[in-house]
Amino acid sequence: MVCDEANRGSTLASRLLHRKSRPPAAVILERVTSPAPVTPFDAPFDGDLRDDLDFALRLADAADAASMARFDAADLDVRTKADATHVTEADLATERAIRALLEVERPGDGVFGEEYGVTGDSRRQWIIDPIDGTANYLKGIPMWTTLIALAIDGVPRVGVASQPAIGRRWWAATGLGAWTDTPSGSPRRLAVSAIDRIEDSSVSFQSIGQWRDAGRLDALERLTAAVWRDRGYGDAWPYMLLAEGRLELVAEFDVKEYDIAALVPIVTEAGGRFTSFEGRDSLSERSSLATNRVLHDSYLRLLHSA
C-alpha cells in the first residue's frame, strides 16, 4: 500500500541502487509468441465466456493485492532488463500471483507473460502484462495497469484492465459487452463515441518518440493538424477513455502482444475497432490503432496519405 510521507520522497536513483534476491525474469522475447488470428478480432464467438470472464476478474483481484503491496515503497527493488526497460519486484510478484491461480484452475491453458515468457501450448492462451506502465509504478505515479487477456485461436476474447492505485477496472468478453465499475459499486456498460468527423475528434498519440522511431512523424503531424484535440496520455488508460466515449483514436508503436491483447475485447465490445497501424487484425505487428469504428477507415486514409 502507499507508504508514509518520508518514503514518498525517495529518489529513483535510490530504488535502482537497492538490490534483493528474487527469481530471475525471463529472457526478452522478440519473436511472435501468440498464434496468428484466423478470424477478425470482432467476429462472434461460438461459446460461453462467462466463466472465463469471472475467472479473469479473480485473477485481477490477486494481481491488485500483489501490486499494491509494494506500490510507492521506498525500498522497491528495480532492475534493468536486456531491452533497457525496467522491471520491479512488483512486476514479478504480480505475474507470479496470476500464474499461481492459472496453474491451479486452468492447468491446460497456455500462458504468455511479459516477465516469465511462454508456458504451455494451447489454443487457449492467457496473455499477461502484470504492470503496464512500470515507469510510472516505480516513480509512485498511480497511472499503471494490470492487463489480463484470454486469446482463443489467436483472437483476444476476454480482457481485464485493472488500475488499483486509482480504484478503477474495465472488463469485457466477446458477446458480453464491455464494462467498468462506478463509485456506487454498480457496473456501467461502455460505448464508444458517435463522433463522425475527424476535425471534431480527440486523440491520444501516446509518445512522439514512438512515432519518430517508427519513421511516422509525418503521419503524426497530419493527424494532429486534422483533429480537434491531441494528447499523449500513454499506456493503457487512453484505450479505456476510448471505450468510454471520451477519445476517438489511440495509436502507438513498439507494442508487444501483452501490451494490447486485453485492450482488444474492451474496445471492440464497446463498439470500437482495433487493428495494427496498417489496418490488420494482429497482435504481433508491433503497432496499434484503436478507434470509435466510425472513423477508423478515415484515420487510416489520413495516416497513410503521403
Protein backbone atom coordinates (compact mmCIF):
# COMPACT_ATOMS: atom_id res chain seq x y z
CA MET A 1 0.00 0.00 0.00
CA VAL A 2 1.01 3.66 -0.24
CA CYS A 3 3.63 4.30 2.39
CA ASP A 4 4.24 7.36 4.57
CA GLU A 5 5.38 10.85 3.53
CA ALA A 6 9.03 10.15 4.30
CA ASN A 7 9.04 7.21 1.93
CA ARG A 8 7.36 9.21 -0.83
CA GLY A 9 10.45 11.40 -1.01
CA SER A 10 12.71 8.56 -2.07
CA THR A 11 14.51 9.02 -5.38
CA LEU A 12 14.57 6.77 -8.41
CA ALA A 13 18.32 6.52 -8.00
CA SER A 14 17.99 5.05 -4.52
CA ARG A 15 15.48 2.50 -5.78
CA LEU A 16 17.76 1.47 -8.62
CA LEU A 17 20.64 1.00 -6.18
CA HIS A 18 18.61 -1.18 -3.83
CA ARG A 19 19.01 -4.88 -4.55
CA LYS A 20 17.50 -8.00 -3.09
CA SER A 21 17.42 -11.58 -4.32
CA ARG A 22 14.44 -12.77 -6.29
CA PRO A 23 13.69 -15.26 -9.12
CA PRO A 24 15.17 -14.18 -12.46
CA ALA A 25 12.92 -12.74 -15.14
CA ALA A 26 12.51 -14.48 -18.47
CA VAL A 27 14.66 -13.68 -21.46
CA ILE A 28 13.21 -10.84 -23.56
CA LEU A 29 11.10 -12.35 -26.32
CA GLU A 30 11.09 -10.59 -29.71
CA ARG A 31 9.55 -13.33 -31.83
CA VAL A 32 5.84 -13.83 -32.27
CA THR A 33 4.59 -15.77 -29.27
CA SER A 34 0.86 -15.99 -29.91
CA PRO A 35 -0.99 -17.76 -32.74
CA ALA A 36 -1.99 -15.54 -35.64
CA PRO A 37 -5.75 -14.92 -35.52
CA VAL A 38 -7.75 -16.89 -38.05
CA THR A 39 -10.84 -14.70 -37.61
CA PRO A 40 -11.29 -10.93 -37.18
CA PHE A 41 -10.99 -9.50 -33.70
CA ASP A 42 -14.66 -8.54 -33.67
CA ALA A 43 -16.00 -11.84 -35.02
CA PRO A 44 -18.70 -13.56 -32.92
CA PHE A 45 -17.64 -16.40 -30.64
CA ASP A 46 -19.49 -19.70 -30.55
CA GLY A 47 -19.29 -20.42 -26.85
CA ASP A 48 -19.97 -19.13 -23.37
CA LEU A 49 -17.21 -16.96 -21.93
CA ARG A 50 -18.87 -16.03 -18.64
CA ASP A 51 -16.83 -18.44 -16.52
CA ASP A 52 -13.60 -17.27 -18.14
CA LEU A 53 -14.52 -13.63 -17.56
CA ASP A 54 -15.37 -14.29 -13.91
CA PHE A 55 -12.05 -16.08 -13.52
CA ALA A 56 -10.17 -13.22 -15.21
CA LEU A 57 -11.70 -10.82 -12.69
CA ARG A 58 -10.50 -13.04 -9.86
CA LEU A 59 -7.04 -13.05 -11.42
CA ALA A 60 -7.18 -9.27 -11.37
CA ASP A 61 -8.10 -9.33 -7.67
CA ALA A 62 -5.00 -11.40 -6.94
CA ALA A 63 -2.88 -9.15 -9.12
CA ASP A 64 -4.15 -6.00 -7.38
CA ALA A 65 -3.19 -7.38 -3.97
CA ALA A 66 0.32 -8.23 -5.16
CA SER A 67 0.97 -4.95 -6.99
CA MET A 68 -0.43 -2.64 -4.33
CA ALA A 69 1.59 -4.34 -1.60
CA ARG A 70 4.76 -2.64 -2.90
CA PHE A 71 3.41 0.47 -4.64
CA ASP A 72 5.35 3.62 -3.69
CA ALA A 73 7.65 1.68 -1.37
CA ALA A 74 10.92 3.48 -0.66
CA ASP A 75 12.91 0.23 -0.88
CA LEU A 76 11.28 -1.08 -4.08
CA ASP A 77 13.70 -3.34 -5.94
CA VAL A 78 14.17 -2.12 -9.53
CA ARG A 79 16.27 -3.84 -12.18
CA THR A 80 17.08 -3.15 -15.84
CA LYS A 81 16.19 -5.81 -18.40
CA ALA A 82 18.10 -6.72 -21.54
CA ASP A 83 15.96 -4.36 -23.61
CA ALA A 84 16.88 -1.44 -21.27
CA THR A 85 13.39 -1.27 -19.75
CA HIS A 86 12.82 -1.51 -16.02
CA VAL A 87 11.34 -4.38 -14.06
CA THR A 88 10.42 -4.20 -10.39
CA GLU A 89 9.90 -6.84 -7.76
CA ALA A 90 6.19 -5.99 -8.04
CA ASP A 91 6.08 -6.84 -11.76
CA LEU A 92 7.47 -10.26 -10.96
CA ALA A 93 5.33 -10.87 -7.88
CA THR A 94 2.18 -9.82 -9.71
CA GLU A 95 2.79 -12.14 -12.62
CA ARG A 96 3.60 -14.99 -10.24
CA ALA A 97 0.32 -14.41 -8.39
CA ILE A 98 -1.61 -14.65 -11.67
CA ARG A 99 0.28 -17.73 -12.82
CA ALA A 100 -0.29 -19.48 -9.49
CA LEU A 101 -4.06 -19.28 -9.94
CA LEU A 102 -3.86 -20.29 -13.58
CA GLU A 103 -1.82 -23.36 -12.68
CA VAL A 104 -4.49 -24.49 -10.23
CA GLU A 105 -7.67 -23.57 -12.10
CA ARG A 106 -6.67 -23.59 -15.80
CA PRO A 107 -3.76 -26.06 -15.94
CA GLY A 108 -4.43 -26.96 -19.56
CA ASP A 109 -4.25 -23.39 -20.85
CA GLY A 110 -1.16 -21.71 -22.23
CA VAL A 111 0.30 -18.58 -20.65
CA PHE A 112 2.30 -15.73 -22.14
CA GLY A 113 3.51 -13.19 -19.60
CA GLU A 114 5.83 -10.24 -20.04
CA GLU A 115 8.20 -11.28 -17.28
CA TYR A 116 8.24 -15.10 -17.42
CA GLY A 117 7.56 -15.76 -21.08
CA VAL A 118 5.54 -18.57 -22.64
CA THR A 119 4.42 -21.79 -20.98
CA GLY A 120 2.13 -24.43 -22.41
CA ASP A 121 0.91 -24.95 -25.94
CA SER A 122 -2.81 -24.41 -26.20
CA ARG A 123 -5.36 -22.78 -28.45
CA ARG A 124 -6.38 -21.02 -25.23
CA GLN A 125 -3.62 -18.65 -24.13
CA TRP A 126 -3.68 -16.21 -21.21
CA ILE A 127 -1.68 -13.09 -22.11
CA ILE A 128 -0.47 -11.06 -19.13
CA ASP A 129 1.18 -7.72 -18.57
CA PRO A 130 1.49 -7.65 -14.77
CA ILE A 131 2.23 -3.91 -14.64
CA ASP A 132 1.74 -1.93 -17.82
CA GLY A 133 3.39 1.39 -17.03
CA THR A 134 6.28 0.19 -14.88
CA ALA A 135 7.99 3.57 -15.30
CA ASN A 136 5.01 5.19 -13.58
CA TYR A 137 4.85 2.47 -10.91
CA LEU A 138 8.47 2.84 -9.84
CA LYS A 139 8.08 6.63 -9.62
CA GLY A 140 4.98 6.36 -7.42
CA ILE A 141 2.69 7.68 -10.17
CA PRO A 142 -0.68 5.85 -9.93
CA MET A 143 -1.32 5.53 -13.68
CA TRP A 144 -0.36 1.91 -14.28
CA THR A 145 -2.46 -1.11 -15.19
CA THR A 146 -2.53 -4.88 -14.87
CA LEU A 147 -3.64 -6.35 -18.21
CA ILE A 148 -5.10 -9.87 -18.42
CA ALA A 149 -6.41 -11.41 -21.64
CA LEU A 150 -7.62 -14.79 -22.81
CA ALA A 151 -6.92 -15.37 -26.50
CA ILE A 152 -8.60 -18.31 -28.24
CA ASP A 153 -7.10 -19.32 -31.57
CA GLY A 154 -5.15 -16.05 -31.52
CA VAL A 155 -8.18 -13.80 -31.01
CA PRO A 156 -8.43 -11.94 -27.67
CA ARG A 157 -11.86 -12.91 -26.32
CA VAL A 158 -11.65 -11.83 -22.68
CA GLY A 159 -9.92 -8.72 -21.36
CA VAL A 160 -9.47 -7.09 -17.96
CA ALA A 161 -7.63 -3.84 -17.31
CA SER A 162 -7.23 -3.06 -13.61
CA GLN A 163 -5.85 0.17 -12.14
CA PRO A 164 -5.96 -0.45 -8.38
CA ALA A 165 -3.99 2.66 -7.44
CA ILE A 166 -6.91 4.81 -8.62
CA GLY A 167 -9.63 2.25 -7.86
CA ARG A 168 -10.68 1.61 -11.46
CA ARG A 169 -11.26 -1.52 -13.53
CA TRP A 170 -12.58 -2.28 -17.02
CA TRP A 171 -13.52 -5.68 -18.43
CA ALA A 172 -15.12 -7.36 -21.45
CA ALA A 173 -15.73 -10.64 -23.22
CA THR A 174 -16.94 -11.32 -26.73
CA GLY A 175 -20.73 -11.13 -26.79
CA LEU A 176 -20.98 -9.96 -23.17
CA GLY A 177 -20.25 -6.26 -23.62
CA ALA A 178 -17.60 -4.01 -22.10
CA TRP A 179 -17.99 -2.67 -18.58
CA THR A 180 -16.42 -0.55 -15.86
CA ASP A 181 -17.05 -0.06 -12.18
CA THR A 182 -18.71 3.02 -10.72
CA PRO A 183 -18.49 4.73 -7.31
CA SER A 184 -21.85 3.20 -6.40
CA GLY A 185 -20.47 -0.28 -6.97
CA SER A 186 -22.76 -0.99 -9.93
CA PRO A 187 -21.10 -1.79 -13.28
CA ARG A 188 -21.65 0.60 -16.18
CA ARG A 189 -21.69 -0.58 -19.79
CA LEU A 190 -19.20 1.11 -22.09
CA ALA A 191 -19.86 2.59 -25.52
CA VAL A 192 -17.54 4.47 -27.86
CA SER A 193 -18.45 7.91 -29.13
CA ALA A 194 -20.56 8.57 -32.23
CA ILE A 195 -18.35 11.42 -33.47
CA ASP A 196 -18.06 11.05 -37.24
CA ARG A 197 -15.79 13.92 -38.29
CA ILE A 198 -12.02 13.87 -37.81
CA GLU A 199 -11.99 17.61 -37.14
CA ASP A 200 -14.24 17.03 -34.13
CA SER A 201 -12.23 14.15 -32.71
CA SER A 202 -9.88 13.88 -29.74
CA VAL A 203 -6.91 11.51 -29.96
CA SER A 204 -4.02 10.13 -27.94
CA PHE A 205 -0.80 9.54 -29.87
CA GLN A 206 0.92 8.17 -26.73
CA SER A 207 4.57 9.19 -27.42
CA ILE A 208 6.27 11.36 -30.03
CA GLY A 209 9.36 9.19 -29.67
CA GLN A 210 7.45 6.08 -30.74
CA TRP A 211 6.29 7.76 -33.94
CA ARG A 212 9.77 9.14 -34.62
CA ASP A 213 11.45 5.77 -34.13
CA ALA A 214 8.85 4.14 -36.41
CA GLY A 215 9.53 6.73 -39.12
CA ARG A 216 5.98 8.06 -38.84
CA LEU A 217 6.43 11.65 -37.68
CA ASP A 218 4.91 12.91 -40.92
CA ALA A 219 1.76 10.88 -40.24
CA LEU A 220 1.63 12.22 -36.67
CA GLU A 221 1.85 15.78 -37.95
CA ARG A 222 -1.02 15.16 -40.36
CA LEU A 223 -3.09 13.60 -37.59
CA THR A 224 -2.55 16.35 -35.03
CA ALA A 225 -3.20 19.05 -37.62
CA ALA A 226 -6.52 17.48 -38.58
CA VAL A 227 -8.12 16.69 -35.20
CA TRP A 228 -9.77 18.91 -32.61
CA ARG A 229 -7.52 17.86 -29.73
CA ASP A 230 -4.40 15.73 -29.40
CA ARG A 231 -2.65 14.47 -26.27
CA GLY A 232 -0.10 11.81 -25.33
CA TYR A 233 -1.77 10.14 -22.37
CA GLY A 234 0.25 6.93 -22.62
CA ASP A 235 -0.05 3.25 -21.68
CA ALA A 236 -3.44 1.52 -21.24
CA TRP A 237 -5.58 4.32 -19.84
CA PRO A 238 -6.35 6.14 -23.13
CA TYR A 239 -7.76 2.92 -24.59
CA MET A 240 -10.21 2.91 -21.69
CA LEU A 241 -11.05 6.55 -22.41
CA LEU A 242 -11.76 5.48 -26.00
CA ALA A 243 -14.05 2.68 -24.80
CA GLU A 244 -15.84 5.16 -22.54
CA GLY A 245 -16.50 7.51 -25.47
CA ARG A 246 -14.03 10.19 -24.37
CA LEU A 247 -11.48 9.74 -27.20
CA GLU A 248 -11.87 8.72 -30.84
CA LEU A 249 -8.38 7.32 -31.56
CA VAL A 250 -5.42 5.81 -29.75
CA ALA A 251 -2.38 4.79 -31.79
CA GLU A 252 1.16 3.76 -30.93
CA PHE A 253 4.20 1.73 -31.92
CA ASP A 254 6.62 -0.74 -30.30
CA VAL A 255 3.86 -2.63 -28.51
CA LYS A 256 4.06 -6.33 -27.72
CA GLU A 257 1.18 -8.80 -27.52
CA TYR A 258 0.89 -8.40 -23.75
CA ASP A 259 0.62 -4.60 -24.13
CA ILE A 260 -2.56 -4.75 -26.20
CA ALA A 261 -4.29 -8.16 -26.01
CA ALA A 262 -6.51 -7.26 -23.03
CA LEU A 263 -7.46 -3.96 -24.65
CA VAL A 264 -8.87 -5.55 -27.81
CA PRO A 265 -12.10 -7.05 -26.38
CA ILE A 266 -12.73 -3.97 -24.23
CA VAL A 267 -12.53 -1.65 -27.24
CA THR A 268 -14.40 -3.91 -29.66
CA GLU A 269 -17.18 -4.81 -27.21
CA ALA A 270 -17.65 -1.08 -26.57
CA GLY A 271 -18.31 -0.72 -30.30
CA GLY A 272 -14.84 0.33 -31.41
CA ARG A 273 -12.34 -1.15 -33.82
CA PHE A 274 -8.82 -2.35 -33.02
CA THR A 275 -6.16 -3.05 -35.67
CA SER A 276 -2.47 -2.55 -36.30
CA PHE A 277 -1.31 0.76 -37.79
CA GLU A 278 -1.61 -0.93 -41.18
CA GLY A 279 -5.25 -1.82 -40.55
CA ARG A 280 -4.84 -5.55 -39.90
CA ASP A 281 -6.21 -7.60 -37.01
CA SER A 282 -2.92 -8.59 -35.42
CA LEU A 283 -1.26 -8.64 -32.01
CA SER A 284 2.23 -9.12 -33.43
CA GLU A 285 2.82 -6.21 -35.83
CA ARG A 286 4.21 -4.03 -33.01
CA SER A 287 1.69 -1.25 -33.57
CA SER A 288 -1.90 -0.46 -32.66
CA LEU A 289 -4.69 1.71 -34.00
CA ALA A 290 -7.88 1.76 -31.93
CA THR A 291 -10.82 3.98 -32.83
CA ASN A 292 -14.55 4.53 -32.34
CA ARG A 293 -15.02 2.44 -35.51
CA VAL A 294 -16.97 5.04 -37.49
CA LEU A 295 -13.75 6.99 -38.13
CA HIS A 296 -11.36 4.04 -38.47
CA ASP A 297 -11.10 3.99 -42.26
CA SER A 298 -10.88 7.79 -42.39
CA TYR A 299 -7.99 7.77 -39.93
CA LEU A 300 -6.21 5.06 -41.94
CA ARG A 301 -6.52 7.12 -45.12
CA LEU A 302 -5.23 10.22 -43.34
CA LEU A 303 -2.30 8.44 -41.73
CA HIS A 304 -1.22 6.71 -44.97
CA SER A 305 -1.93 9.61 -47.37
CA ALA A 306 1.68 10.65 -48.00
